[in-house]
Structures are given as structure tokens and as C-alpha cells.
Amino acid sequence: MRTHTRRTAQKPWERFASVMALIWLVFLIYPMVGLVRSEAATAWVVLGWTALVLFVVLYVVGAIRGMRSDAPIGSPRGPGPWLFFAGLICCALLCAPAVGGTALSFLPFIMSFASYGLTRAWHWIAIAAALIIAALFVLLAPGGVGYVTLLIIIALLAVVNTVSTTLITRSAEAERLGLELATSTGREAVARDVHDLIGHSLTVVRLKAQLARRLIDSDPERARAELADIESLTAEAIAGVRATVSGARTVTLDEQLAASGDALRAAGVELAVDGDPAALSPAQALTATWILREATTNVLRHAEASLVRVQVGPGRLSIADDGRGRSDQEGNGVRGMRERAAAAGARFRIDDEDSGGTLVEVMW
């Protein structure tokens, strides 16, 4: 019976999205104090409080939606982010008559929302608009000099947002390129495998066909035996090509775990999985998928095991069995795993388990 335990995949940013969004709300203490001390008409004060509460709701909900979205920074999906952004601006404007200059405290939130939730162009538009508005207020409004601290905060936050979004975007691009490179490397390996397989098989088939042609008159029985061998070799070659080419399709680590479990179960081997495949990056997961596939094949062919344990963690995959352990000679499968790990910038280790069996481990 197979044991297959997994945790629900969840990004770290999703777990703490609401906490991070709420931490920034401490800066809204300024418009809150402004509303408490406001000398504006009661209607404006009531409208200001309503707008402030709505601003908080829109900001928190919009921030959580953005952090849970699969869309990369600079690529908002659908009208949602734009509606939230427009709502934040409207709330800040409605609150301004009651709080006066402290309405500048809304600008860091609006600017950050544009940086992380909208396009790159709107990142720059929001930064420029916030800096211009704050600078003009400090320079031209009566008592505006008292808000120079807010102008400095806005300027610093503009730098922080620009640097952080740039780094995040470049990191995502590097991850995408790494995945493409890993996929390309794997397909090149498949092409080599297919070439070698077909070349070898066709060479043998050609020799046997020539032999059968020479023997068909003098030794029909021997000729029939050679033809039977040709039929068998052809079937094996077709099966080998199909198996190799099927590996060219991008298979997720989740899918390979399920496929390995099915194959092991058919051989009477139990599979126990600990950890979450989402802990590995896409490029790491691709390499881990190849190594898991080859390790499963080795267990089925050589290990004589009854249990296989797979552990997945950040930057790590290990496969351990309780079989008879490694042989003294390293085969093509192990060399292939080692080469794939090296190509992915990972460390590969294969060793005997203290309690018997074999441990295969790849770490980034």
C-alpha cells in the first residue's frame, strides 16, 4: 500500500500577506489625528472618516489579492488592480478637506500599490506625481515646511520601491531563463539518447537482415531465427524511442511523484513522501523530476526494496530505499543523474544508508 503525504502548497508571501499589509497602516495615524483635530465642518469630518476606513479596506484587500496573484510584477491581470488604485485615490481626495496637509500620508500607500500592483509605467507615474504633489505642498502651502518629513519619506520610499521591484523582476526573469535552460538541456539529452538508441538498433537490424538474406536458401531455419530476432529488436527499439521521447514532455514533480508511486506499487514497493514539491523553484523541480524518475528506475531494477522514502524541502530532494544497497560499479543511470545535477548547479550525492539501502540526494 502506498503512503503519499503532502502539505497544501502555499507561497510564503501568501501566508503573511495580511500581516505585511497591516504593518504599513501605522502611517495612517497622521490622517487619523488630523480627523480628530479637524476644524472642518462635521459633514467633511464624517466623510473623511468614511473615506479613511474605505481606504484601509481597499488597500488591505488589494494588497492581499496582488500577493496571491500569479501575475508577475508589472503585469496586472484584469480590471481589478486598476479599480482598487482608482478607489485609493478617490478616498484620499475625499479625506483631504478634513485633514489638510496630513493627506500626504496617503501618497506612500498609493505609490506602493502602483509599484507592485500596476504596470512599470504607472510605477514611474505614481512616483513622479507623489513627489511633485508633496514638494509643491511643502514649498507653497502655508505651514507646508512642517511636512518636509513626509516629503523625505516619500522620496526614500520611491527609491526603495524602484530597487525592490527591479530586483524582483530580474529574479523572476533569471528563474524563467534557468527553467528554459534546464528544459533545453534535458531535450538535448533526449535527442542524444534517441540518436544512440536508433543508431545501435538499426546497425544490428541491418547486419541480421544481411545474414538472413544469405541464409534464406541454404539454412531456412536459421534465417527464420534471424528474422525473429529482427522483429524483437525492432519492437524493443520502438518501445525505447517511445519511452525516451515521452520524457521530453515537461512533467511536474507532482506528476512524477504520482507516476513513481504507481510504478513502485505495481512492484510491491511502498512510497512515502514527506514535504511539498512547491518548496523547489521551477528550475529545481525540473531537475528533481528527472532524478526522481531515474532513481525510481534504479530501485525497480536493482534495489529489491520494500520501501522508498522521498523527502522534498527548500533546495533539496532525497530518495532513500531499504534495498540491498549500491553496487561497486556506477552505471549509466547514476552518471546521468550526476550530470543533470551538475548542469543545474546542484550537488549530487549517492551513498549507502546506515540501515541498508541506498540514498540519492540532490541539493542546491
Protein backbone atom coordinates (compact mmCIF):
# COMPACT_ATOMS: atom_id res chain seq x y z
CA MET A 1 0.00 0.00 0.00
CA ARG A 2 1.37 3.41 -0.90
CA THR A 3 1.69 6.27 1.55
CA HIS A 4 1.72 9.66 -0.15
CA THR A 5 1.64 12.61 2.26
CA ARG A 6 1.78 16.21 1.09
CA ARG A 7 1.24 19.63 2.53
CA THR A 8 -1.00 22.15 0.82
CA ALA A 9 1.16 24.32 -1.41
CA GLN A 10 1.30 27.89 -0.24
CA LYS A 11 3.71 30.66 -1.02
CA PRO A 12 5.39 32.36 1.97
CA TRP A 13 4.15 35.73 0.71
CA GLU A 14 0.58 34.42 0.85
CA ARG A 15 0.87 33.34 4.49
CA PHE A 16 1.93 36.78 5.71
CA ALA A 17 0.24 38.99 3.12
CA SER A 18 -2.32 40.44 5.53
CA VAL A 19 0.31 41.00 8.24
CA MET A 20 2.66 42.87 5.91
CA ALA A 21 -0.20 44.98 4.57
CA LEU A 22 -1.38 45.87 8.08
CA ILE A 23 2.09 46.88 9.28
CA TRP A 24 2.19 49.77 6.79
CA LEU A 25 -1.15 51.07 8.06
CA VAL A 26 0.60 52.53 11.09
CA PHE A 27 1.44 55.57 8.92
CA LEU A 28 -2.27 56.37 8.66
CA ILE A 29 -2.07 57.57 12.25
CA TYR A 30 -1.39 61.04 10.82
CA PRO A 31 -4.70 61.45 8.95
CA MET A 32 -6.48 59.85 11.93
CA VAL A 33 -5.03 62.50 14.25
CA GLY A 34 -5.89 65.09 11.62
CA LEU A 35 -9.52 63.99 11.63
CA VAL A 36 -9.69 64.06 15.43
CA ARG A 37 -8.29 67.60 15.49
CA SER A 38 -10.06 68.77 12.34
CA GLU A 39 -11.85 72.12 12.45
CA ALA A 40 -13.68 71.42 9.21
CA ALA A 41 -17.46 71.11 9.01
CA THR A 42 -18.94 68.00 10.58
CA ALA A 43 -20.02 66.69 7.18
CA TRP A 44 -16.42 66.82 5.93
CA VAL A 45 -15.15 65.07 9.06
CA VAL A 46 -17.73 62.28 8.72
CA LEU A 47 -16.87 61.93 5.04
CA GLY A 48 -13.18 61.88 5.97
CA TRP A 49 -13.62 59.03 8.46
CA THR A 50 -15.69 57.07 5.95
CA ALA A 51 -13.09 57.61 3.24
CA LEU A 52 -10.26 56.61 5.62
CA VAL A 53 -11.97 53.34 6.58
CA LEU A 54 -12.71 52.56 2.94
CA PHE A 55 -9.08 53.37 2.06
CA VAL A 56 -7.86 50.82 4.63
CA VAL A 57 -10.23 48.14 3.30
CA LEU A 58 -9.25 48.75 -0.32
CA TYR A 59 -5.55 48.78 0.49
CA VAL A 60 -5.56 45.57 2.55
CA VAL A 61 -7.82 43.63 0.16
CA GLY A 62 -5.94 44.90 -2.89
CA ALA A 63 -2.56 44.05 -1.37
CA ILE A 64 -3.64 40.51 -0.46
CA ARG A 65 -5.15 39.95 -3.92
CA GLY A 66 -1.95 41.13 -5.55
CA MET A 67 0.29 38.92 -3.43
CA ARG A 68 -1.84 35.87 -4.14
CA SER A 69 -1.94 36.53 -7.86
CA ASP A 70 0.27 34.55 -10.25
CA ALA A 71 0.77 37.66 -12.38
CA PRO A 72 4.37 38.94 -12.25
CA ILE A 73 5.09 42.45 -11.05
CA GLY A 74 4.31 44.92 -13.80
CA SER A 75 1.66 42.69 -15.40
CA PRO A 76 -1.72 43.15 -13.65
CA ARG A 77 -4.48 40.79 -14.73
CA GLY A 78 -7.94 42.16 -15.35
CA PRO A 79 -9.52 45.44 -14.24
CA GLY A 80 -9.32 44.64 -10.51
CA PRO A 81 -5.98 46.32 -9.67
CA TRP A 82 -6.95 49.46 -11.61
CA LEU A 83 -10.28 49.75 -9.78
CA PHE A 84 -8.55 49.39 -6.42
CA PHE A 85 -5.99 52.03 -7.43
CA ALA A 86 -8.69 54.48 -8.51
CA GLY A 87 -10.58 53.81 -5.28
CA LEU A 88 -7.50 54.61 -3.17
CA ILE A 89 -7.03 57.94 -4.95
CA CYS A 90 -10.70 58.86 -4.54
CA CYS A 91 -10.63 58.04 -0.82
CA ALA A 92 -7.51 60.17 -0.30
CA LEU A 93 -9.11 63.11 -2.13
CA LEU A 94 -12.35 62.84 -0.13
CA CYS A 95 -10.40 62.80 3.13
CA ALA A 96 -8.17 65.78 2.24
CA PRO A 97 -10.65 68.62 3.01
CA ALA A 98 -10.95 67.42 6.63
CA VAL A 99 -7.30 66.58 7.36
CA GLY A 100 -5.43 69.15 5.30
CA GLY A 101 -1.71 68.51 4.81
CA THR A 102 -1.73 65.15 6.60
CA ALA A 103 -3.48 63.78 3.50
CA LEU A 104 0.06 63.49 2.14
CA SER A 105 0.28 60.35 4.30
CA PHE A 106 -1.88 58.57 1.73
CA LEU A 107 0.73 59.06 -1.01
CA PRO A 108 3.16 56.29 0.13
CA PHE A 109 0.32 53.75 0.01
CA ILE A 110 -0.89 54.87 -3.41
CA MET A 111 2.67 54.94 -4.73
CA SER A 112 3.48 51.45 -3.40
CA PHE A 113 0.26 50.00 -4.79
CA ALA A 114 1.18 51.32 -8.23
CA SER A 115 4.72 49.93 -7.96
CA TYR A 116 3.72 46.39 -7.00
CA GLY A 117 0.23 46.09 -8.47
CA LEU A 118 0.25 48.02 -11.75
CA THR A 119 2.46 48.34 -14.81
CA ARG A 120 6.02 49.65 -14.78
CA ALA A 121 4.88 52.85 -16.49
CA TRP A 122 2.43 53.56 -13.67
CA HIS A 123 5.18 52.89 -11.13
CA TRP A 124 7.02 55.90 -12.54
CA ILE A 125 3.87 58.00 -12.99
CA ALA A 126 2.82 57.45 -9.37
CA ILE A 127 6.31 58.23 -8.04
CA ALA A 128 6.58 61.42 -10.09
CA ALA A 129 3.08 62.57 -9.13
CA ALA A 130 3.62 61.85 -5.42
CA LEU A 131 6.94 63.69 -5.33
CA ILE A 132 5.56 66.70 -7.23
CA ILE A 133 2.44 66.96 -5.07
CA ALA A 134 4.40 66.65 -1.82
CA ALA A 135 7.11 69.08 -2.94
CA LEU A 136 4.60 71.70 -4.11
CA PHE A 137 2.69 71.44 -0.84
CA VAL A 138 5.87 71.84 1.23
CA LEU A 139 7.04 74.82 -0.84
CA LEU A 140 3.77 76.66 -1.46
CA ALA A 141 1.20 75.79 1.21
CA PRO A 142 1.03 77.84 4.43
CA GLY A 143 2.89 75.82 7.06
CA GLY A 144 3.96 73.35 4.40
CA VAL A 145 7.52 73.24 5.73
CA GLY A 146 6.20 71.21 8.65
CA TYR A 147 5.52 68.36 6.25
CA VAL A 148 9.05 68.11 4.89
CA THR A 149 9.49 64.84 6.80
CA LEU A 150 6.68 63.29 4.77
CA LEU A 151 8.36 64.51 1.59
CA ILE A 152 11.59 62.78 2.64
CA ILE A 153 9.69 59.55 3.47
CA ILE A 154 8.00 59.63 0.06
CA ALA A 155 11.36 60.17 -1.69
CA LEU A 156 13.00 57.32 0.22
CA LEU A 157 10.07 55.01 -0.43
CA ALA A 158 10.27 55.84 -4.14
CA VAL A 159 13.87 54.63 -4.15
CA VAL A 160 13.02 51.50 -2.14
CA ASN A 161 10.09 50.60 -4.39
CA THR A 162 12.16 51.12 -7.53
CA VAL A 163 15.06 48.98 -6.29
CA SER A 164 12.92 46.19 -4.84
CA THR A 165 10.61 45.85 -7.84
CA THR A 166 13.62 45.86 -10.16
CA LEU A 167 15.30 43.09 -8.16
CA ILE A 168 12.09 41.03 -8.03
CA THR A 169 11.56 41.40 -11.78
CA ARG A 170 15.14 40.41 -12.56
CA SER A 171 14.94 37.46 -10.18
CA ALA A 172 11.78 36.23 -11.91
CA GLU A 173 13.44 36.66 -15.31
CA ALA A 174 16.51 34.74 -14.13
CA GLU A 175 14.25 31.95 -12.85
CA ARG A 176 12.46 31.80 -16.20
CA LEU A 177 15.73 31.65 -18.11
CA GLY A 178 17.03 28.95 -15.76
CA LEU A 179 13.93 26.87 -16.40
CA GLU A 180 14.29 27.32 -20.16
CA LEU A 181 17.96 26.34 -19.99
CA ALA A 182 17.20 23.27 -17.88
CA THR A 183 14.44 22.24 -20.28
CA SER A 184 16.68 22.78 -23.30
CA THR A 185 19.46 20.74 -21.71
CA GLY A 186 17.05 17.92 -21.00
CA ARG A 187 15.75 17.89 -24.56
CA GLU A 188 19.31 17.79 -25.91
CA ALA A 189 19.94 14.77 -23.70
CA VAL A 190 16.77 13.12 -25.03
CA ALA A 191 17.90 13.79 -28.60
CA ARG A 192 21.25 12.13 -27.86
CA ASP A 193 19.51 9.15 -26.27
CA VAL A 194 17.21 8.71 -29.26
CA HIS A 195 20.12 9.04 -31.68
CA ASP A 196 22.20 6.45 -29.85
CA LEU A 197 19.27 4.07 -29.46
CA ILE A 198 18.20 4.21 -33.09
CA GLY A 199 21.77 4.09 -34.38
CA HIS A 200 22.61 0.99 -32.40
CA SER A 201 19.34 -0.79 -33.17
CA LEU A 202 19.42 -0.08 -36.89
CA THR A 203 23.02 -1.26 -37.12
CA VAL A 204 22.16 -4.60 -35.53
CA VAL A 205 18.99 -4.96 -37.62
CA ARG A 206 20.94 -4.30 -40.83
CA LEU A 207 23.53 -6.96 -40.00
CA LYS A 208 20.88 -9.53 -39.14
CA ALA A 209 18.88 -8.73 -42.29
CA GLN A 210 22.00 -9.27 -44.42
CA LEU A 211 22.65 -12.57 -42.65
CA ALA A 212 19.04 -13.71 -43.10
CA ARG A 213 19.19 -12.88 -46.83
CA ARG A 214 22.31 -15.03 -47.22
CA LEU A 215 20.83 -17.94 -45.24
CA ILE A 216 17.31 -17.95 -46.70
CA ASP A 217 18.24 -20.56 -49.33
CA SER A 218 20.92 -22.57 -47.56
CA ASP A 219 19.51 -22.60 -43.99
CA PRO A 220 15.86 -21.52 -43.85
CA GLU A 221 15.51 -22.37 -40.15
CA ARG A 222 18.47 -20.16 -39.22
CA ALA A 223 17.10 -17.41 -41.47
CA ARG A 224 13.73 -17.58 -39.71
CA ALA A 225 15.51 -17.30 -36.35
CA GLU A 226 17.36 -14.19 -37.53
CA LEU A 227 14.10 -12.67 -38.78
CA ALA A 228 12.52 -13.34 -35.39
CA ASP A 229 15.45 -11.55 -33.77
CA ILE A 230 14.94 -8.61 -36.12
CA GLU A 231 11.26 -8.45 -35.13
CA SER A 232 12.18 -8.49 -31.45
CA LEU A 233 14.88 -5.85 -31.84
CA THR A 234 12.52 -3.61 -33.79
CA ALA A 235 9.86 -3.87 -31.09
CA GLU A 236 12.41 -3.07 -28.41
CA ALA A 237 13.71 -0.08 -30.38
CA ILE A 238 10.19 1.31 -30.88
CA ALA A 239 9.43 0.89 -27.18
CA GLY A 240 12.72 2.54 -26.26
CA VAL A 241 12.13 5.52 -28.54
CA ARG A 242 8.62 5.99 -27.18
CA ALA A 243 9.84 5.84 -23.59
CA THR A 244 12.65 8.29 -24.30
CA VAL A 245 10.52 10.75 -26.24
CA SER A 246 7.81 10.69 -23.58
CA GLY A 247 10.43 12.04 -21.20
CA ALA A 248 10.74 15.13 -23.41
CA ARG A 249 7.32 16.26 -22.29
CA THR A 250 7.61 18.60 -19.31
CA VAL A 251 6.39 16.60 -16.32
CA THR A 252 5.89 18.31 -12.99
CA LEU A 253 7.40 16.95 -9.81
CA ASP A 254 3.90 16.26 -8.52
CA GLU A 255 3.12 14.18 -11.61
CA GLN A 256 6.39 12.28 -11.35
CA LEU A 257 5.75 11.52 -7.67
CA ALA A 258 2.39 10.04 -8.65
CA ALA A 259 3.92 8.09 -11.57
CA SER A 260 6.75 6.77 -9.38
CA GLY A 261 4.25 5.72 -6.75
CA ASP A 262 2.20 3.79 -9.32
CA ALA A 263 5.28 2.04 -10.73
CA LEU A 264 6.62 1.14 -7.29
CA ARG A 265 3.24 -0.06 -6.08
CA ALA A 266 2.97 -2.35 -9.09
CA ALA A 267 6.25 -3.92 -7.98
CA GLY A 268 5.08 -4.27 -4.38
CA VAL A 269 7.14 -1.32 -3.09
CA GLU A 270 5.67 1.29 -0.73
CA LEU A 271 6.32 5.00 -1.38
CA ALA A 272 6.33 7.56 1.46
CA VAL A 273 6.59 11.24 0.53
CA ASP A 274 7.48 13.94 3.04
CA GLY A 275 7.47 17.63 2.10
CA ASP A 276 5.98 19.91 -0.51
CA PRO A 277 7.11 19.91 -4.17
CA ALA A 278 6.35 23.64 -4.24
CA ALA A 279 9.34 24.16 -1.94
CA LEU A 280 11.56 23.82 -5.03
CA SER A 281 11.76 26.50 -7.70
CA PRO A 282 10.52 25.57 -11.21
CA ALA A 283 14.07 25.01 -12.49
CA GLN A 284 14.99 22.94 -9.43
CA ALA A 285 11.77 20.94 -9.70
CA LEU A 286 12.55 20.08 -13.33
CA THR A 287 15.94 18.63 -12.41
CA ALA A 288 14.45 16.90 -9.36
CA THR A 289 11.81 15.31 -11.62
CA TRP A 290 14.47 13.77 -13.87
CA ILE A 291 16.48 12.48 -10.94
CA LEU A 292 13.40 11.04 -9.23
CA ARG A 293 12.46 9.24 -12.44
CA GLU A 294 15.91 7.67 -12.81
CA ALA A 295 16.13 6.81 -9.11
CA THR A 296 12.76 5.05 -9.34
CA THR A 297 14.01 3.05 -12.32
CA ASN A 298 17.12 2.02 -10.41
CA VAL A 299 15.05 0.89 -7.43
CA LEU A 300 12.81 -1.22 -9.66
CA ARG A 301 15.75 -2.79 -11.49
CA HIS A 302 18.31 -3.35 -8.78
CA ALA A 303 17.29 -2.47 -5.22
CA GLU A 304 14.93 -5.32 -4.23
CA ALA A 305 13.41 -2.81 -1.79
CA SER A 306 10.11 -2.80 0.05
CA LEU A 307 10.00 0.91 0.98
CA VAL A 308 11.13 4.13 -0.70
CA ARG A 309 11.14 7.43 1.17
CA VAL A 310 11.16 10.72 -0.77
CA GLN A 311 11.85 13.97 1.07
CA VAL A 312 11.37 17.37 -0.57
CA GLY A 313 12.44 20.64 1.02
CA PRO A 314 13.76 24.05 0.04
CA GLY A 315 16.68 23.35 -2.30
CA ARG A 316 16.77 19.63 -1.53
CA LEU A 317 15.44 16.29 -2.79
CA SER A 318 16.36 12.90 -1.34
CA ILE A 319 15.28 9.38 -2.30
CA ALA A 320 16.12 6.55 0.10
CA ASP A 321 15.25 2.85 -0.16
CA ASP A 322 15.65 -0.11 2.16
CA GLY A 323 17.05 -2.42 -0.51
CA ARG A 324 20.37 -4.18 -0.87
CA GLY A 325 22.47 -1.06 -1.36
CA ARG A 326 24.73 0.18 -4.12
CA SER A 327 26.81 -1.92 -6.42
CA ASP A 328 30.54 -1.27 -6.69
CA GLN A 329 30.25 -0.11 -10.30
CA GLU A 330 28.45 3.11 -11.16
CA GLY A 331 26.05 2.61 -14.05
CA ASN A 332 24.79 4.93 -16.75
CA GLY A 333 21.74 5.90 -14.72
CA VAL A 334 23.79 7.23 -11.81
CA ARG A 335 26.15 9.04 -14.15
CA GLY A 336 23.15 10.60 -15.88
CA MET A 337 21.76 11.83 -12.56
CA ARG A 338 25.14 13.25 -11.60
CA GLU A 339 25.44 15.07 -14.93
CA ARG A 340 21.94 16.51 -14.72
CA ALA A 341 22.57 17.78 -11.19
CA ALA A 342 25.87 19.37 -12.23
CA ALA A 343 24.20 21.07 -15.20
CA ALA A 344 21.60 22.55 -12.83
CA GLY A 345 24.27 23.87 -10.44
CA ALA A 346 23.36 21.34 -7.74
CA ARG A 347 25.40 18.95 -5.60
CA PHE A 348 24.65 15.26 -6.12
CA ARG A 349 25.30 12.52 -3.61
CA ILE A 350 24.64 8.79 -3.66
CA ASP A 351 25.56 6.70 -0.67
CA ASP A 352 24.66 3.62 1.34
CA GLU A 353 22.15 4.08 4.12
CA ASP A 354 23.30 3.12 7.62
CA SER A 355 20.30 0.82 7.94
CA GLY A 356 20.80 -0.67 4.47
CA GLY A 357 19.64 0.51 1.10
CA THR A 358 20.68 3.50 -0.99
CA LEU A 359 20.35 7.24 -0.53
CA VAL A 360 20.21 9.58 -3.54
CA GLU A 361 20.34 13.29 -2.70
CA VAL A 362 20.49 16.47 -4.76
CA MET A 363 20.98 19.87 -3.10
CA TRP A 364 21.15 23.46 -4.39
